[in-house]
Amino acid sequence: MTIFLKKVVIVSTVILGSLSLSAQKFSPQKNSIGFNFGALSYSGRFAVDASLASHTSLYASIAYRRKVWDKLYVRAEAFGGRMRGDNSNVASQAYQPNGQFQTEMAELSVKGEYDFIDLQSHKVTPFVNVGAGAYALFNYSSTMGTKEGGDKIGFVMPVGGGVKYKLNNRVKLVAEGSARFFSRNLDGRTGAGINNPNLYYSFGFGVIYELMPSNILW
């Protein structure tokens, strides 16, 4: 092998090694999709003194995130689950307003989401999000009666936060909690002098997968 060929081989090896190391570096993309699942917990009058299981159910969601600035994202999410509460057989509530309700719920929302730490150079970051959306109720039943069509839809304001963990170059794991404020009554207890919070809590886990660089997709 001539001196020139040796130099070519050495230079080529150095270049390929540099490209390999560069490819292994974490490079956050603008677009990602996420999947989440967990528990929903109702906090209204029909949960008073009842077991946690009687007013807790499951949810699942799919989310699309787009990075708009530094550690700030826009998050569009489709969310669905079951909401319920039942203290109709709780002895301490025998002479208090009690009852049960149950419904399926679908929600579409858009949120702003902010990471406090840059995951390009760190493994873990806390985050917060807040947004607004619309919801619809299905298969509704309650001891307080039924809901008319127009009373089964409304606006919702989700507020949440949690922790993201960078598993590898493309995948993040998420633990997240949130509170949801609804514009309409959920359990059917309405009337003068009734202070019944339209509030639901959720806690769950999820995974975020970063899509290809923005010059390949979107």
Protein backbone atom coordinates (compact mmCIF):
# COMPACT_ATOMS: atom_id res chain seq x y z
CA MET A 1 0.00 0.00 0.00
CA THR A 2 1.42 3.40 -1.04
CA ILE A 3 1.76 6.32 1.40
CA PHE A 4 -1.06 8.10 -0.46
CA LEU A 5 -3.45 5.17 -0.08
CA LYS A 6 -2.55 4.89 3.60
CA LYS A 7 -3.44 8.57 4.06
CA VAL A 8 -6.75 8.08 2.23
CA VAL A 9 -7.60 5.11 4.45
CA ILE A 10 -6.72 7.01 7.63
CA VAL A 11 -8.71 10.12 6.62
CA SER A 12 -11.71 8.00 5.55
CA THR A 13 -11.62 6.10 8.88
CA VAL A 14 -11.56 9.37 10.83
CA ILE A 15 -14.47 10.82 8.83
CA LEU A 16 -16.59 7.67 9.18
CA GLY A 17 -15.86 7.54 12.90
CA SER A 18 -16.91 11.17 13.32
CA LEU A 19 -20.14 10.60 11.41
CA SER A 20 -20.89 7.53 13.51
CA LEU A 21 -20.40 9.45 16.76
CA SER A 22 -22.50 12.32 15.45
CA ALA A 23 -25.34 9.95 14.53
CA GLN A 24 -25.38 8.59 18.06
CA LYS A 25 -25.87 12.00 19.64
CA PHE A 26 -29.37 12.89 20.82
CA SER A 27 -30.96 15.38 18.45
CA PRO A 28 -34.50 16.40 19.44
CA GLN A 29 -36.91 16.72 16.52
CA LYS A 30 -39.79 19.08 16.02
CA ASN A 31 -42.51 16.44 15.86
CA SER A 32 -43.43 13.49 18.06
CA ILE A 33 -46.34 11.23 18.88
CA GLY A 34 -47.24 9.87 22.29
CA PHE A 35 -49.48 7.28 23.88
CA ASN A 36 -50.75 7.49 27.47
CA PHE A 37 -52.89 5.41 29.84
CA GLY A 38 -53.85 5.64 33.49
CA ALA A 39 -56.58 6.32 36.03
CA LEU A 40 -59.32 8.97 36.27
CA SER A 41 -60.74 9.95 39.66
CA TYR A 42 -63.98 11.90 40.20
CA SER A 43 -64.13 14.34 43.16
CA GLY A 44 -67.80 15.37 43.36
CA ARG A 45 -70.60 14.70 45.88
CA PHE A 46 -71.04 11.05 44.91
CA ALA A 47 -67.45 10.32 45.98
CA VAL A 48 -67.85 11.46 49.60
CA ASP A 49 -66.77 8.69 52.03
CA ALA A 50 -66.77 6.15 49.19
CA SER A 51 -63.85 3.85 48.37
CA LEU A 52 -61.34 5.04 45.79
CA ALA A 53 -62.31 2.19 43.48
CA SER A 54 -65.94 3.38 43.38
CA HIS A 55 -65.04 6.69 41.72
CA THR A 56 -61.90 5.75 39.76
CA SER A 57 -61.72 4.33 36.25
CA LEU A 58 -59.35 4.13 33.27
CA TYR A 59 -58.39 6.39 30.37
CA ALA A 60 -56.18 6.26 27.27
CA SER A 61 -54.98 9.00 24.95
CA ILE A 62 -52.88 9.73 21.88
CA ALA A 63 -50.98 13.00 21.57
CA TYR A 64 -49.07 14.87 18.88
CA ARG A 65 -46.38 17.34 19.96
CA ARG A 66 -44.61 19.99 17.88
CA LYS A 67 -41.66 21.95 19.20
CA VAL A 68 -42.26 25.66 18.63
CA TRP A 69 -39.47 27.28 20.63
CA ASP A 70 -36.55 25.99 22.73
CA LYS A 71 -38.28 23.77 25.37
CA LEU A 72 -41.85 24.82 24.47
CA TYR A 73 -44.24 22.48 22.64
CA VAL A 74 -47.79 22.58 21.29
CA ARG A 75 -49.61 19.36 22.23
CA ALA A 76 -52.81 18.21 20.49
CA GLU A 77 -54.48 15.27 22.23
CA ALA A 78 -57.39 12.89 21.79
CA PHE A 79 -58.43 11.56 25.21
CA GLY A 80 -61.07 9.03 26.20
CA GLY A 81 -62.18 7.11 29.25
CA ARG A 82 -64.93 6.30 31.72
CA MET A 83 -66.07 8.62 34.52
CA ARG A 84 -68.08 7.41 37.50
CA GLY A 85 -68.95 7.88 41.16
CA ASP A 86 -71.04 5.89 43.62
CA ASN A 87 -71.70 6.46 47.33
CA SER A 88 -75.30 5.22 47.28
CA ASN A 89 -74.49 2.39 49.72
CA VAL A 90 -72.19 4.31 52.09
CA ALA A 91 -73.67 4.23 55.61
CA SER A 92 -72.36 7.68 56.62
CA GLN A 93 -74.18 9.21 53.65
CA ALA A 94 -77.56 7.54 54.25
CA TYR A 95 -79.13 10.85 55.33
CA GLN A 96 -76.98 13.01 53.02
CA PRO A 97 -77.25 13.62 49.28
CA ASN A 98 -75.94 10.42 47.72
CA GLY A 99 -76.18 8.50 44.48
CA GLN A 100 -74.25 7.28 41.49
CA PHE A 101 -73.45 8.20 37.91
CA GLN A 102 -71.47 6.68 35.08
CA THR A 103 -70.52 7.80 31.58
CA GLU A 104 -67.97 7.40 28.81
CA MET A 105 -66.17 10.56 27.74
CA ALA A 106 -64.23 11.67 24.65
CA GLU A 107 -62.13 14.84 24.66
CA LEU A 108 -60.09 16.83 22.14
CA SER A 109 -57.70 19.46 23.48
CA VAL A 110 -54.75 21.67 22.56
CA LYS A 111 -52.16 22.54 25.21
CA GLY A 112 -48.96 24.43 25.65
CA GLU A 113 -46.29 22.21 27.24
CA TYR A 114 -42.98 23.37 28.71
CA ASP A 115 -39.93 21.28 29.65
CA PHE A 116 -37.84 22.88 32.41
CA ILE A 117 -34.62 21.06 31.38
CA ASP A 118 -33.24 20.47 27.88
CA LEU A 119 -33.26 16.74 27.12
CA GLN A 120 -30.55 17.20 24.49
CA SER A 121 -27.98 17.26 27.30
CA HIS A 122 -29.91 15.69 30.22
CA LYS A 123 -31.86 12.51 30.87
CA VAL A 124 -34.75 13.80 33.02
CA THR A 125 -36.92 16.91 33.07
CA PRO A 126 -40.06 18.04 34.89
CA PHE A 127 -42.74 19.64 32.70
CA VAL A 128 -46.04 21.49 32.95
CA ASN A 129 -48.91 21.98 30.53
CA VAL A 130 -52.19 23.85 30.30
CA GLY A 131 -54.78 24.11 27.56
CA ALA A 132 -58.41 24.03 26.49
CA GLY A 133 -60.66 21.68 24.61
CA ALA A 134 -64.11 20.21 24.11
CA TYR A 135 -65.68 17.00 25.43
CA ALA A 136 -68.72 14.80 24.81
CA LEU A 137 -70.43 12.25 27.09
CA PHE A 138 -71.79 8.89 25.92
CA ASN A 139 -73.93 6.16 27.54
CA TYR A 140 -74.75 8.46 30.46
CA SER A 141 -76.70 7.25 33.49
CA SER A 142 -77.32 8.80 36.92
CA THR A 143 -79.63 8.52 39.89
CA MET A 144 -80.35 12.22 39.24
CA GLY A 145 -81.82 11.50 35.81
CA THR A 146 -80.63 11.66 32.23
CA LYS A 147 -78.88 14.44 30.34
CA GLU A 148 -80.24 16.01 27.19
CA GLY A 149 -78.08 16.12 24.05
CA GLY A 150 -76.87 19.68 24.56
CA ASP A 151 -75.93 18.98 28.16
CA LYS A 152 -73.61 16.16 27.13
CA ILE A 153 -71.08 18.43 25.43
CA GLY A 154 -69.02 21.29 26.80
CA PHE A 155 -65.61 22.84 27.30
CA VAL A 156 -62.77 21.52 29.44
CA MET A 157 -59.54 23.07 30.74
CA PRO A 158 -56.83 20.48 31.51
CA VAL A 159 -53.90 21.54 33.73
CA GLY A 160 -51.08 19.12 34.43
CA GLY A 161 -47.46 18.31 34.96
CA GLY A 162 -45.05 15.44 35.38
CA VAL A 163 -41.65 14.03 34.51
CA LYS A 164 -40.08 12.93 31.21
CA TYR A 165 -37.19 10.46 31.05
CA LYS A 166 -35.06 10.08 27.90
CA LEU A 167 -34.76 6.35 27.30
CA ASN A 168 -32.79 6.65 24.06
CA ASN A 169 -32.38 8.91 21.03
CA ARG A 170 -36.00 8.57 19.98
CA VAL A 171 -38.03 7.41 22.97
CA LYS A 172 -39.04 9.19 26.19
CA LEU A 173 -41.03 7.75 29.07
CA VAL A 174 -43.58 9.95 30.85
CA ALA A 175 -45.31 10.04 34.23
CA GLU A 176 -48.05 12.67 34.34
CA GLY A 177 -50.85 13.95 36.55
CA SER A 178 -53.58 16.45 35.67
CA ALA A 179 -56.76 18.13 36.81
CA ARG A 180 -59.65 18.74 34.42
CA PHE A 181 -62.12 21.59 34.92
CA PHE A 182 -65.43 21.06 33.09
CA SER A 183 -67.84 23.80 32.00
CA ARG A 184 -70.93 21.67 32.75
CA ASN A 185 -72.09 19.50 35.63
CA LEU A 186 -70.97 15.87 35.40
CA ASP A 187 -72.98 13.87 37.94
CA GLY A 188 -76.38 15.56 37.50
CA ARG A 189 -76.54 17.31 40.91
CA THR A 190 -77.68 20.83 40.13
CA GLY A 191 -79.87 23.46 41.75
CA ALA A 192 -79.84 26.42 44.12
CA GLY A 193 -77.35 26.18 46.96
CA ILE A 194 -75.50 23.17 45.53
CA ASN A 195 -71.73 23.63 45.35
CA ASN A 196 -70.65 20.65 43.28
CA PRO A 197 -67.18 20.87 41.69
CA ASN A 198 -66.96 19.86 38.05
CA LEU A 199 -63.47 18.47 38.54
CA TYR A 200 -61.69 15.26 37.62
CA TYR A 201 -58.13 14.13 38.36
CA SER A 202 -55.96 11.80 36.31
CA PHE A 203 -52.60 10.10 36.74
CA GLY A 204 -50.88 7.89 34.23
CA PHE A 205 -47.86 6.81 32.26
CA GLY A 206 -46.91 7.11 28.64
CA VAL A 207 -44.29 6.98 25.91
CA ILE A 208 -43.20 9.65 23.42
CA TYR A 209 -41.65 8.70 20.07
CA GLU A 210 -39.82 11.39 18.12
CA LEU A 211 -40.48 11.41 14.38
CA MET A 212 -37.92 11.94 11.64
CA PRO A 213 -36.13 15.29 11.23
CA SER A 214 -38.31 18.12 9.99
CA ASN A 215 -36.67 18.11 6.53
CA ILE A 216 -37.88 14.50 5.98
CA LEU A 217 -41.34 14.58 7.58
CA TRP A 218 -43.13 17.89 8.09
